[in-house]
Amino acid sequence: MISTVRRRPRRWRFEARNRPEVLFPLALYLLFTLIPFYWMLVFAFRPTGSNAILPTDLTLDHFRTVWTGLGFGIFFRNSLLVGVATLLVVSVFALSGGYALARYNFGGRKVFLLALLCTQFIPGAMMLIPLFEIFRQLHLVNNLWALVIAETTFQLPLSLILMSGFIRNIPIDLEEAAWVDGCSRFRGFLAIVLPLLRPALVAVGSFAFIGSWNNFLFALMFMSNQSKFTIPVGLSYTLGEFDVDFGALAAGGVVAAVPVVLVFAVVQRYLVTGLSAGAVKG
């Protein structure tokens, strides 16, 4: 008996090649995005007083000014400490909380998830005065831990939602097989679930790091000692009362952008996987 196999119809593929109505808007968007970066590099590397659009005489004087004269070395260290600490704290709490939300059914779980989602609509500026009063009573003003706590508070809800969505997509049968073999729940989590969470951890950690690295409002509000400033606050010191040092400002912008670009270059292959998996409801 000859069985006929029904072939699936070919799905229509959208090919962007040789389609000017697609390529032209994308080219305009790319040009609009890259021009500010180009001018930042031009101002950062061309000598003071030069108006060349394509500079040939390049200089590093502006970088020396911001790194030594304005203390960007200290600002860079502070931003790095806050970013790494926020990354670690958010990742640990998102991992444990996301597992609880994904694997345990408890009363008020959906309400709790809705409350987490609603917190994303609250502007950080609305919480500045309450947070400042809390940190003042805890003697954390002019302490970098105040920035870590504030950043964790605002970034943890979204991280919990993403992590719980990713863990929910991991079959519980894998853990149950480990339990049958004698593993405890914690050991089964470390052996089975945690290795599969690499894309989710990369997505959550990268957003936590970049969010704390770029934040200006909290650092400006909670830090009054210049030795505790982060890079976004340090950049504001290049703006004088009557003039602006565009070269130093652009050089500081390059210094601030390099770590973010490197992070995305390293983790971009995991980032899309982690975000798409965490957004799918299991």
Protein backbone atom coordinates (compact mmCIF):
# COMPACT_ATOMS: atom_id res chain seq x y z
CA MET A 1 0.00 0.00 0.00
CA ILE A 2 1.46 3.26 -1.10
CA SER A 3 0.90 6.08 1.29
CA THR A 4 0.77 9.56 -0.02
CA VAL A 5 2.43 12.22 2.01
CA ARG A 6 0.78 15.57 1.83
CA ARG A 7 3.31 18.28 1.36
CA ARG A 8 2.92 21.37 3.42
CA PRO A 9 2.41 24.49 1.36
CA ARG A 10 5.40 26.71 1.20
CA ARG A 11 5.14 29.66 3.45
CA TRP A 12 5.60 32.99 1.79
CA ARG A 13 8.86 34.50 2.86
CA PHE A 14 9.33 38.19 3.13
CA GLU A 15 12.52 39.06 1.30
CA ALA A 16 13.84 42.53 1.99
CA ARG A 17 16.39 42.19 -0.79
CA ASN A 18 15.69 44.31 -3.86
CA ARG A 19 12.71 45.97 -2.18
CA PRO A 20 13.34 49.74 -2.13
CA GLU A 21 10.15 50.45 -0.15
CA VAL A 22 11.74 48.48 2.71
CA LEU A 23 15.41 49.32 2.33
CA PHE A 24 14.94 53.08 1.96
CA PRO A 25 13.16 53.64 5.32
CA LEU A 26 15.67 51.36 7.03
CA ALA A 27 18.55 53.30 5.51
CA LEU A 28 17.03 56.60 6.68
CA TYR A 29 16.57 55.23 10.18
CA LEU A 30 20.16 53.94 10.25
CA LEU A 31 21.45 57.30 9.05
CA PHE A 32 19.38 59.16 11.64
CA THR A 33 20.74 56.86 14.36
CA LEU A 34 24.42 56.97 13.38
CA ILE A 35 24.82 60.71 12.72
CA PRO A 36 24.79 61.69 16.45
CA PHE A 37 27.42 59.04 17.18
CA TYR A 38 29.55 60.30 14.32
CA TRP A 39 29.45 63.88 15.59
CA MET A 40 30.26 62.70 19.11
CA LEU A 41 33.37 60.98 17.79
CA VAL A 42 34.32 64.03 15.71
CA PHE A 43 34.07 66.41 18.69
CA ALA A 44 35.90 63.94 20.93
CA PHE A 45 38.94 63.47 18.67
CA ARG A 46 39.36 66.74 16.79
CA PRO A 47 41.45 69.57 18.31
CA THR A 48 39.80 72.51 20.05
CA GLY A 49 38.96 75.30 17.61
CA SER A 50 38.82 73.02 14.58
CA ASN A 51 35.65 73.01 12.49
CA ALA A 52 36.56 70.13 10.19
CA ILE A 53 33.74 67.76 9.37
CA LEU A 54 36.24 65.05 8.46
CA PRO A 55 39.14 65.77 10.83
CA THR A 56 42.57 64.55 9.83
CA ASP A 57 44.50 65.83 12.87
CA LEU A 58 43.25 63.71 15.74
CA THR A 59 44.00 64.34 19.40
CA LEU A 60 43.41 62.65 22.74
CA ASP A 61 43.54 65.89 24.75
CA HIS A 62 39.81 65.84 25.48
CA PHE A 63 40.06 62.33 26.93
CA ARG A 64 42.95 63.39 29.16
CA THR A 65 40.88 66.36 30.31
CA VAL A 66 37.85 64.33 31.33
CA TRP A 67 39.81 61.38 32.76
CA THR A 68 42.28 63.35 34.90
CA GLY A 69 41.03 66.92 35.08
CA LEU A 70 37.34 66.16 35.70
CA GLY A 71 37.95 62.93 37.61
CA PHE A 72 36.24 60.59 35.17
CA GLY A 73 38.42 57.78 36.46
CA ILE A 74 36.58 57.98 39.81
CA PHE A 75 33.19 58.40 38.10
CA PHE A 76 33.87 55.36 35.90
CA ARG A 77 34.79 53.26 38.94
CA ASN A 78 31.64 54.32 40.80
CA SER A 79 29.42 53.55 37.81
CA LEU A 80 31.08 50.17 37.37
CA LEU A 81 30.65 49.26 41.06
CA VAL A 82 26.98 50.28 41.03
CA GLY A 83 26.31 48.49 37.75
CA VAL A 84 27.94 45.20 38.77
CA ALA A 85 26.33 45.23 42.23
CA THR A 86 22.89 45.94 40.74
CA LEU A 87 23.40 43.17 38.18
CA LEU A 88 24.22 40.62 40.88
CA VAL A 89 21.43 41.63 43.27
CA VAL A 90 18.75 41.78 40.56
CA SER A 91 19.86 38.45 39.06
CA VAL A 92 19.76 36.62 42.40
CA PHE A 93 16.37 37.98 43.44
CA ALA A 94 14.89 37.56 39.96
CA LEU A 95 16.12 33.96 39.85
CA SER A 96 14.64 32.97 43.20
CA GLY A 97 11.45 35.03 42.86
CA GLY A 98 10.89 34.01 39.25
CA TYR A 99 11.18 30.33 40.19
CA ALA A 100 8.61 30.78 42.98
CA LEU A 101 6.19 32.55 40.64
CA ALA A 102 6.61 29.91 37.93
CA ARG A 103 6.53 26.72 39.99
CA TYR A 104 4.29 27.45 42.99
CA ASN A 105 0.57 28.19 42.98
CA PHE A 106 -0.38 30.40 45.90
CA GLY A 107 -3.20 32.74 46.69
CA GLY A 108 -2.89 36.18 45.18
CA ARG A 109 -0.29 35.14 42.60
CA LYS A 110 -2.05 36.80 39.67
CA VAL A 111 -2.69 39.93 41.72
CA PHE A 112 0.98 40.02 42.66
CA LEU A 113 2.03 39.73 39.00
CA LEU A 114 -0.39 42.51 38.09
CA ALA A 115 1.07 44.69 40.85
CA LEU A 116 4.57 44.04 39.51
CA LEU A 117 3.44 45.09 36.06
CA CYS A 118 1.76 48.25 37.38
CA THR A 119 4.96 49.39 39.07
CA GLN A 120 6.48 49.89 35.62
CA PHE A 121 4.09 52.82 35.06
CA ILE A 122 5.38 54.76 38.09
CA PRO A 123 8.01 57.38 37.18
CA GLY A 124 11.14 57.30 39.28
CA ALA A 125 10.90 61.04 39.90
CA MET A 126 7.73 60.50 41.95
CA MET A 127 9.67 58.37 44.45
CA LEU A 128 12.68 60.64 44.91
CA ILE A 129 11.52 62.35 48.10
CA PRO A 130 10.33 59.15 49.87
CA LEU A 131 13.51 57.34 48.89
CA PHE A 132 15.70 60.21 50.00
CA GLU A 133 13.99 60.28 53.41
CA ILE A 134 14.43 56.52 53.79
CA PHE A 135 18.11 56.69 52.86
CA ARG A 136 18.65 59.66 55.16
CA GLN A 137 17.27 57.73 58.12
CA LEU A 138 19.39 54.71 57.18
CA HIS A 139 22.49 56.95 56.79
CA LEU A 140 22.88 55.86 53.17
CA VAL A 141 22.99 59.32 51.57
CA ASN A 142 26.33 59.73 49.76
CA ASN A 143 26.66 55.96 49.81
CA LEU A 144 26.80 53.97 46.58
CA TRP A 145 24.58 51.30 48.15
CA ALA A 146 21.72 53.80 47.99
CA LEU A 147 22.00 53.74 44.20
CA VAL A 148 22.15 49.93 44.17
CA ILE A 149 19.01 49.65 46.33
CA ALA A 150 17.11 52.26 44.30
CA GLU A 151 18.06 50.70 40.97
CA THR A 152 17.18 47.22 42.22
CA THR A 153 13.78 48.44 43.42
CA PHE A 154 12.81 49.80 40.02
CA GLN A 155 14.34 47.07 37.84
CA LEU A 156 13.39 43.98 39.81
CA PRO A 157 9.65 43.84 38.87
CA LEU A 158 10.28 43.51 35.13
CA SER A 159 13.13 41.09 35.77
CA LEU A 160 10.82 38.90 37.87
CA ILE A 161 8.22 38.82 35.10
CA LEU A 162 10.79 37.89 32.45
CA MET A 163 12.44 35.23 34.60
CA SER A 164 9.16 33.62 35.66
CA GLY A 165 8.05 33.45 32.01
CA PHE A 166 11.27 31.75 31.01
CA ILE A 167 11.18 29.21 33.86
CA ARG A 168 7.52 28.45 33.07
CA ASN A 169 8.60 27.34 29.59
CA ILE A 170 11.03 24.78 31.03
CA PRO A 171 9.12 21.45 31.42
CA ILE A 172 8.58 20.48 35.03
CA ASP A 173 9.13 16.85 33.96
CA LEU A 174 12.89 17.50 33.84
CA GLU A 175 12.92 18.46 37.51
CA GLU A 176 10.61 15.62 38.49
CA ALA A 177 13.01 13.13 36.87
CA ALA A 178 15.82 14.57 38.98
CA TRP A 179 13.68 14.29 42.12
CA VAL A 180 13.01 10.63 41.34
CA ASP A 181 16.78 10.07 41.09
CA GLY A 182 17.20 11.41 44.62
CA CYS A 183 17.94 15.09 44.03
CA SER A 184 16.48 17.66 46.37
CA ARG A 185 14.48 20.51 44.87
CA PHE A 186 17.40 22.90 45.25
CA ARG A 187 19.92 20.48 43.80
CA GLY A 188 17.59 19.66 40.93
CA PHE A 189 17.23 23.38 40.24
CA LEU A 190 21.01 23.82 40.13
CA ALA A 191 21.56 20.78 37.93
CA ILE A 192 18.61 21.01 35.54
CA VAL A 193 17.03 24.46 35.48
CA LEU A 194 19.94 26.80 36.06
CA PRO A 195 21.99 25.71 33.00
CA LEU A 196 18.93 26.34 30.81
CA LEU A 197 18.51 29.86 32.18
CA ARG A 198 21.62 31.35 30.62
CA PRO A 199 19.74 33.46 28.03
CA ALA A 200 17.31 34.71 30.68
CA LEU A 201 20.13 35.59 33.11
CA VAL A 202 21.96 37.42 30.33
CA ALA A 203 18.83 39.41 29.40
CA VAL A 204 17.99 40.31 33.01
CA GLY A 205 21.58 41.06 33.98
CA SER A 206 22.36 43.20 30.94
CA PHE A 207 19.25 45.34 31.41
CA ALA A 208 20.05 45.76 35.11
CA PHE A 209 23.63 46.80 34.37
CA ILE A 210 22.78 49.20 31.55
CA GLY A 211 19.87 50.74 33.46
CA SER A 212 22.04 51.50 36.48
CA TRP A 213 24.93 52.65 34.29
CA ASN A 214 22.79 55.22 32.47
CA ASN A 215 20.71 56.45 35.41
CA PHE A 216 21.20 60.14 36.14
CA LEU A 217 18.32 61.07 38.44
CA PHE A 218 19.13 58.86 41.44
CA ALA A 219 22.84 59.67 41.40
CA LEU A 220 22.12 63.40 41.21
CA MET A 221 19.62 63.22 44.08
CA PHE A 222 21.37 60.90 46.53
CA MET A 223 25.02 61.85 45.96
CA SER A 224 26.35 65.28 46.92
CA ASN A 225 30.00 64.31 47.38
CA GLN A 226 31.92 64.55 44.10
CA SER A 227 33.90 61.40 44.94
CA LYS A 228 30.61 59.45 44.80
CA PHE A 229 29.39 60.78 41.44
CA THR A 230 28.73 58.40 38.56
CA ILE A 231 29.45 59.09 34.89
CA PRO A 232 26.03 60.63 33.99
CA VAL A 233 26.40 63.18 36.80
CA GLY A 234 30.05 63.77 35.91
CA LEU A 235 29.07 64.59 32.34
CA SER A 236 26.94 67.46 33.59
CA TYR A 237 30.11 69.12 34.95
CA THR A 238 31.32 69.75 31.41
CA LEU A 239 28.43 72.23 31.03
CA GLY A 240 29.69 75.61 32.23
CA GLU A 241 27.63 78.60 33.21
CA PHE A 242 28.49 80.58 30.08
CA ASP A 243 30.00 78.02 27.72
CA VAL A 244 30.11 74.31 26.98
CA ASP A 245 33.26 72.28 26.47
CA PHE A 246 31.95 70.22 23.56
CA GLY A 247 35.20 68.29 23.20
CA ALA A 248 35.22 67.17 26.83
CA LEU A 249 31.48 66.46 26.74
CA ALA A 250 31.87 64.30 23.63
CA ALA A 251 34.90 62.49 25.07
CA GLY A 252 32.93 61.76 28.23
CA GLY A 253 30.08 60.47 26.10
CA VAL A 254 32.44 58.08 24.32
CA VAL A 255 33.77 56.82 27.66
CA ALA A 256 30.20 56.30 28.88
CA ALA A 257 29.08 54.53 25.69
CA VAL A 258 31.96 52.06 25.34
CA PRO A 259 30.94 49.68 28.18
CA VAL A 260 27.31 49.60 26.98
CA VAL A 261 28.39 48.81 23.41
CA LEU A 262 30.72 46.07 24.64
CA VAL A 263 27.98 44.52 26.78
CA PHE A 264 25.57 44.37 23.84
CA ALA A 265 28.29 43.03 21.53
CA VAL A 266 28.99 40.16 23.92
CA VAL A 267 25.45 39.23 24.95
CA GLN A 268 23.38 40.09 21.88
CA ARG A 269 23.08 36.44 20.78
CA TYR A 270 21.55 35.53 24.15
CA LEU A 271 19.52 38.70 24.54
CA VAL A 272 16.83 38.04 21.94
CA THR A 273 16.39 34.44 23.11
CA GLY A 274 16.00 35.49 26.72
CA LEU A 275 13.52 38.25 26.00
CA SER A 276 11.39 36.20 23.62
CA ALA A 277 11.28 33.20 25.95
CA GLY A 278 10.42 35.31 28.96
CA ALA A 279 7.61 37.05 27.11
CA VAL A 280 5.83 33.83 26.07
CA LYS A 281 3.17 32.58 28.45
CA GLY A 282 3.60 28.90 29.17
